[in-house]
Amino acid sequence: MHSHATQSVQGQRLEALRRKHAALDNMLKDAQRRPAASDFVIQDLKVKKLKVKDEIEEIRRVS
């Protein structure tokens, strides 16, 4: 069983990850709209976004 403090820290981490995921999503959409955006930049943003999503899912799984 998790303590209240642990749950609070996990909740804060989860919220921070959600904000990071949303920011990466916006960056990705912006990059995809720009014809000059390189495939590397787009792929890098997709990988970062997926890693954040995986972290979010891991926190949810262990909570």
C-alpha atoms as a PDB file:
ATOM      1  CA  MET A   1       0.000   0.000   0.000  1.00  0.00           C
ATOM      2  CA  HIS A   2       1.314   3.446  -0.917  1.00  0.00           C
ATOM      3  CA  SER A   3       1.496   6.256   1.577  1.00  0.00           C
ATOM      4  CA  HIS A   4      -0.321   9.528   0.982  1.00  0.00           C
ATOM      5  CA  ALA A   5       3.011  11.287   0.330  1.00  0.00           C
ATOM      6  CA  THR A   6       3.998   8.703  -2.275  1.00  0.00           C
ATOM      7  CA  GLN A   7       0.640   9.055  -4.011  1.00  0.00           C
ATOM      8  CA  SER A   8       1.024  12.828  -3.984  1.00  0.00           C
ATOM      9  CA  VAL A   9       4.482  12.613  -5.552  1.00  0.00           C
ATOM     10  CA  GLN A  10       3.189  10.143  -8.141  1.00  0.00           C
ATOM     11  CA  GLY A  11       0.254  12.439  -8.895  1.00  0.00           C
ATOM     12  CA  GLN A  12       2.612  15.369  -9.381  1.00  0.00           C
ATOM     13  CA  ARG A  13       4.874  13.271 -11.613  1.00  0.00           C
ATOM     14  CA  LEU A  14       1.882  12.073 -13.610  1.00  0.00           C
ATOM     15  CA  GLU A  15       0.638  15.630 -14.133  1.00  0.00           C
ATOM     16  CA  ALA A  16       4.119  16.795 -15.184  1.00  0.00           C
ATOM     17  CA  LEU A  17       4.331  13.928 -17.676  1.00  0.00           C
ATOM     18  CA  ARG A  18       0.899  14.765 -19.071  1.00  0.00           C
ATOM     19  CA  ARG A  19       1.969  18.372 -19.603  1.00  0.00           C
ATOM     20  CA  LYS A  20       5.203  17.218 -21.254  1.00  0.00           C
ATOM     21  CA  HIS A  21       3.249  14.831 -23.498  1.00  0.00           C
ATOM     22  CA  ALA A  22       0.890  17.648 -24.552  1.00  0.00           C
ATOM     23  CA  ALA A  23       3.823  19.962 -25.262  1.00  0.00           C
ATOM     24  CA  LEU A  24       5.535  17.314 -27.376  1.00  0.00           C
ATOM     25  CA  ASP A  25       2.253  16.715 -29.218  1.00  0.00           C
ATOM     26  CA  ASN A  26       2.024  20.420 -30.038  1.00  0.00           C
ATOM     27  CA  MET A  27       5.661  20.524 -31.161  1.00  0.00           C
ATOM     28  CA  LEU A  28       5.076  17.475 -33.350  1.00  0.00           C
ATOM     29  CA  LYS A  29       1.980  18.988 -34.965  1.00  0.00           C
ATOM     30  CA  ASP A  30       3.874  22.228 -35.631  1.00  0.00           C
ATOM     31  CA  ALA A  31       6.796  20.330 -37.147  1.00  0.00           C
ATOM     32  CA  GLN A  32       4.492  18.289 -39.374  1.00  0.00           C
ATOM     33  CA  ARG A  33       2.905  21.476 -40.724  1.00  0.00           C
ATOM     34  CA  ARG A  34       6.256  22.976 -41.684  1.00  0.00           C
ATOM     35  CA  PRO A  35       7.543  21.766 -45.027  1.00  0.00           C
ATOM     36  CA  ALA A  36      11.106  22.481 -43.894  1.00  0.00           C
ATOM     37  CA  ALA A  37      10.874  20.178 -40.861  1.00  0.00           C
ATOM     38  CA  SER A  38      13.204  17.249 -41.257  1.00  0.00           C
ATOM     39  CA  ASP A  39      12.065  13.666 -40.933  1.00  0.00           C
ATOM     40  CA  PHE A  40      14.666  13.276 -38.182  1.00  0.00           C
ATOM     41  CA  VAL A  41      13.098  16.034 -36.069  1.00  0.00           C
ATOM     42  CA  ILE A  42       9.626  14.574 -36.528  1.00  0.00           C
ATOM     43  CA  GLN A  43      10.808  11.057 -35.691  1.00  0.00           C
ATOM     44  CA  ASP A  44      12.692  12.332 -32.627  1.00  0.00           C
ATOM     45  CA  LEU A  45       9.569  14.071 -31.323  1.00  0.00           C
ATOM     46  CA  LYS A  46       7.503  10.931 -31.889  1.00  0.00           C
ATOM     47  CA  VAL A  47      10.007   8.823 -29.937  1.00  0.00           C
ATOM     48  CA  LYS A  48      10.095  11.316 -27.048  1.00  0.00           C
ATOM     49  CA  LYS A  49       6.302  11.470 -26.968  1.00  0.00           C
ATOM     50  CA  LEU A  50       6.066   7.661 -26.894  1.00  0.00           C
ATOM     51  CA  LYS A  51       8.594   7.436 -24.039  1.00  0.00           C
ATOM     52  CA  VAL A  52       6.558   9.920 -22.003  1.00  0.00           C
ATOM     53  CA  LYS A  53       3.387   7.965 -22.731  1.00  0.00           C
ATOM     54  CA  ASP A  54       5.134   4.786 -21.551  1.00  0.00           C
ATOM     55  CA  GLU A  55       6.143   6.533 -18.306  1.00  0.00           C
ATOM     56  CA  ILE A  56       2.548   7.659 -17.775  1.00  0.00           C
ATOM     57  CA  GLU A  57       1.275   4.124 -18.307  1.00  0.00           C
ATOM     58  CA  GLU A  58       3.885   2.714 -15.914  1.00  0.00           C
ATOM     59  CA  ILE A  59       2.816   5.105 -13.157  1.00  0.00           C
ATOM     60  CA  ARG A  60      -0.823   4.179 -13.719  1.00  0.00           C
ATOM     61  CA  ARG A  61       0.035   0.489 -13.682  1.00  0.00           C
ATOM     62  CA  VAL A  62       1.849   0.553 -10.337  1.00  0.00           C
ATOM     63  CA  SER A  63      -0.615   2.917  -8.645  1.00  0.00           C
END
